[in-house]
Protein backbone atom coordinates (compact mmCIF):
# COMPACT_ATOMS: atom_id res chain seq x y z
CA MET A 1 27.53 -20.95 -30.11
CA PHE A 2 28.82 -24.26 -31.49
CA LEU A 3 30.02 -25.45 -28.08
CA ARG A 4 26.40 -25.66 -26.83
CA SER A 5 25.88 -28.63 -29.13
CA VAL A 6 28.42 -30.69 -27.17
CA SER A 7 26.77 -32.69 -24.40
CA VAL A 8 29.77 -32.96 -22.05
CA ALA A 9 31.82 -30.43 -20.11
CA VAL A 10 33.98 -28.63 -22.67
CA VAL A 11 37.69 -28.10 -22.11
CA LEU A 12 39.52 -25.95 -24.64
CA VAL A 13 43.08 -27.12 -25.26
CA ALA A 14 45.83 -24.95 -26.73
CA HIS A 15 49.62 -24.95 -26.86
CA ASN A 16 50.72 -21.97 -24.74
CA GLY A 17 47.01 -21.46 -24.09
CA PHE A 18 47.31 -20.04 -20.57
CA ARG A 19 49.55 -17.21 -21.75
CA PHE A 20 48.02 -16.48 -25.15
CA ASP A 21 44.84 -18.16 -26.44
CA ALA A 22 42.80 -18.24 -23.22
CA PRO A 23 43.45 -14.60 -22.19
CA VAL A 24 42.76 -13.30 -25.71
CA LEU A 25 39.57 -15.35 -25.98
CA THR A 26 38.46 -14.30 -22.49
CA ARG A 27 38.97 -10.59 -23.19
CA GLU A 28 37.04 -10.83 -26.47
CA LEU A 29 34.17 -12.75 -24.88
CA ILE A 30 33.88 -10.15 -22.13
CA LEU A 31 34.09 -7.33 -24.68
CA PHE A 32 31.18 -8.80 -26.66
CA ASN A 33 29.12 -9.67 -23.55
CA MET A 34 29.40 -13.41 -24.19
CA TRP A 35 31.36 -14.38 -21.06
CA ALA A 36 28.39 -15.66 -19.01
CA GLU A 37 27.16 -17.84 -21.85
CA PHE A 38 30.68 -19.13 -22.49
CA LYS A 39 31.15 -20.07 -18.82
CA SER A 40 27.88 -21.97 -18.84
CA VAL A 41 29.21 -24.23 -21.61
CA VAL A 42 32.99 -24.34 -21.14
CA PHE A 43 34.41 -25.83 -17.96
CA GLY A 44 37.99 -24.75 -18.47
CA PHE A 45 41.26 -24.55 -20.38
CA ALA A 46 44.23 -26.89 -20.66
CA ASP A 47 47.67 -25.83 -21.85
CA THR A 48 49.74 -28.40 -23.71
CA LEU A 49 52.90 -26.33 -23.26
CA SER A 50 52.64 -26.80 -19.49
CA LEU A 51 51.96 -30.49 -20.02
CA PHE A 52 54.98 -30.97 -22.26
CA LYS A 53 57.22 -29.17 -19.76
CA GLU A 54 55.93 -31.49 -17.04
CA LYS A 55 56.28 -34.64 -19.16
CA LEU A 56 59.67 -33.74 -20.65
CA PRO A 57 61.75 -32.20 -17.83
CA GLU A 58 65.00 -32.99 -19.67
CA ARG A 59 63.99 -30.50 -22.38
CA VAL A 60 63.57 -27.85 -19.68
CA THR A 61 66.96 -28.70 -18.18
CA ASN A 62 68.64 -28.60 -21.61
CA LYS A 63 66.75 -25.40 -22.55
CA GLU A 64 65.34 -27.05 -25.67
CA SER A 65 62.47 -25.53 -27.61
CA PHE A 66 58.87 -26.35 -26.77
CA LYS A 67 57.45 -24.90 -29.98
CA GLN A 68 54.85 -27.29 -31.27
CA GLU A 69 56.59 -27.71 -34.65
CA VAL A 70 59.91 -28.48 -32.95
CA LEU A 71 58.30 -30.99 -30.60
CA ALA A 72 56.68 -32.70 -33.58
CA ASP A 73 60.01 -32.83 -35.46
CA ASP A 74 61.84 -34.19 -32.42
CA LEU A 75 59.25 -36.62 -31.10
CA LEU A 76 57.44 -38.04 -34.09
CA PRO A 77 58.81 -40.60 -36.54
CA VAL A 78 59.72 -39.10 -39.92
CA VAL A 79 56.90 -40.97 -41.64
CA THR A 80 54.21 -39.13 -39.65
CA LEU A 81 55.64 -35.65 -40.30
CA VAL A 82 54.46 -35.40 -43.90
CA ALA A 83 50.98 -34.01 -43.20
CA ILE A 84 51.77 -31.68 -40.29
CA ASP A 85 50.39 -28.18 -40.72
CA ALA A 86 51.41 -26.20 -37.62
CA HIS A 87 48.67 -24.07 -36.09
CA ASN A 88 45.88 -25.78 -38.02
CA ALA A 89 43.48 -26.97 -35.31
CA LEU A 90 42.99 -30.49 -36.64
CA SER A 91 46.71 -31.00 -37.31
CA ASP A 92 47.56 -29.62 -33.87
CA VAL A 93 45.28 -32.13 -32.18
CA GLN A 94 46.69 -34.99 -34.25
CA VAL A 95 50.28 -34.00 -33.39
CA LEU A 96 49.49 -33.70 -29.68
CA HIS A 97 47.88 -37.11 -29.71
CA LYS A 98 50.77 -38.68 -31.64
CA VAL A 99 53.42 -37.30 -29.29
CA GLY A 100 51.72 -38.92 -26.35
CA LEU A 101 49.60 -36.34 -24.59
CA LEU A 102 46.65 -38.39 -23.52
CA GLU A 103 43.17 -37.24 -22.68
CA ASN A 104 43.58 -37.92 -18.94
CA ASP A 105 46.76 -35.76 -18.90
CA THR A 106 44.73 -32.91 -20.34
CA VAL A 107 41.87 -33.41 -17.90
CA GLU A 108 44.22 -33.45 -14.89
CA SER A 109 45.84 -30.18 -15.96
CA THR A 110 42.60 -28.35 -16.77
CA LYS A 111 42.05 -25.04 -15.04
CA PRO A 112 38.57 -23.52 -14.64
CA VAL A 113 37.71 -20.63 -16.98
CA ASN A 114 37.98 -18.07 -14.14
CA PHE A 115 41.62 -19.12 -13.63
CA VAL A 116 42.54 -17.23 -16.79
CA MET A 117 41.03 -14.03 -15.43
CA ILE A 118 42.98 -14.45 -12.18
CA LEU A 119 46.23 -14.95 -14.13
CA ASP A 120 45.49 -11.88 -16.24
CA ARG A 121 44.90 -9.73 -13.13
CA GLN A 122 48.11 -11.01 -11.54
CA LYS A 123 50.05 -10.24 -14.70
CA LYS A 124 48.71 -6.66 -14.77
CA ARG A 125 49.55 -6.14 -11.07
CA SER A 126 53.07 -7.50 -11.63
CA LYS A 127 53.63 -5.11 -14.53
CA GLN A 128 52.42 -2.17 -12.43
CA ALA A 129 54.64 -3.23 -9.52
CA GLU A 130 57.64 -3.63 -11.81
CA ILE A 131 57.23 -0.05 -13.04
CA THR A 132 57.45 1.22 -9.44
CA LEU A 133 60.61 -0.87 -8.94
CA LEU A 134 62.53 0.60 -11.89
CA PRO A 135 64.60 2.99 -9.70
CA LEU A 136 65.92 -0.03 -7.79
CA LYS A 137 66.73 -1.78 -11.05
CA GLN A 138 68.84 1.17 -12.12
CA HIS A 139 70.80 1.41 -8.85
CA ALA A 140 70.55 -1.60 -6.58
CA LEU A 141 68.90 -4.74 -7.94
CA SER A 142 69.26 -7.01 -10.93
CA SER A 143 66.51 -7.24 -13.53
CA ALA A 144 65.76 -10.79 -12.39
CA MET A 145 65.30 -9.68 -8.77
CA VAL A 146 63.03 -6.80 -9.80
CA THR A 147 60.89 -9.27 -11.78
CA LYS A 148 60.70 -11.63 -8.79
CA LEU A 149 59.68 -8.80 -6.46
CA ALA A 150 57.03 -7.64 -8.92
CA LYS A 151 55.63 -11.17 -9.30
CA ALA A 152 55.39 -11.32 -5.50
CA ASP A 153 53.26 -8.16 -5.77
CA LEU A 154 55.79 -6.00 -3.97
CA ASN A 155 56.05 -2.45 -5.17
CA LEU A 156 58.28 0.46 -4.30
CA SER A 157 55.60 2.88 -3.21
CA VAL A 158 53.98 0.59 -0.67
CA HIS A 159 56.36 -2.10 0.55
CA VAL A 160 59.95 -1.52 -0.42
CA LYS A 161 60.21 2.15 0.62
CA GLY A 162 59.24 1.29 4.20
CA ILE A 163 61.61 -1.66 4.39
CA PHE A 164 64.57 0.21 2.90
CA SER A 165 64.02 3.33 5.00
CA ARG A 166 63.99 1.26 8.19
CA TRP A 167 67.10 -0.61 7.07
CA TRP A 168 68.91 2.50 5.82
CA PHE A 169 68.25 4.62 8.90
CA GLY A 170 68.78 1.72 11.30
CA SER A 171 65.76 2.46 13.46
CA ALA A 172 64.63 0.13 16.21
CA GLU A 173 61.61 -0.80 14.10
CA ALA A 174 63.86 -2.13 11.36
CA THR A 175 63.23 -5.71 12.38
CA THR A 176 59.45 -5.42 12.33
CA CYS A 177 57.36 -5.09 9.22
């Protein structure tokens, strides 16, 4: 593994890395029984998308794109745009550096490698919970509310049925959960 040749703690950096690159890489490493070795060399992951959203809150407010190519077009002088090759690793690093993401920003936002596995598990649980909430989506709740309930790990079969039945039937236990 190339990363073993690096003598410092390795942090892998990717744009939208927490949602795409890191989970895909993690699943593949586990599949090929390389996860333990990887963890011994790589400290964590950093996501430049999260960093840009933190550093450029006005783009969030104005619902502007955070695609790496768009950020480069918007934030870099025209002269520097000539050699940009989006999604080429070296070009990506050069663009990120030119638009002002500094090494200490990346270090501060680094999450340990196990963080990705935790996010992946939470995402799976949310999807499962959302499936159980579909009847409420069809009759009582908005899609946004169903998504929020699912992300809070509430599901119809365990939590919501008990709450709604107490509320609907007006029992004395309705105020206790």
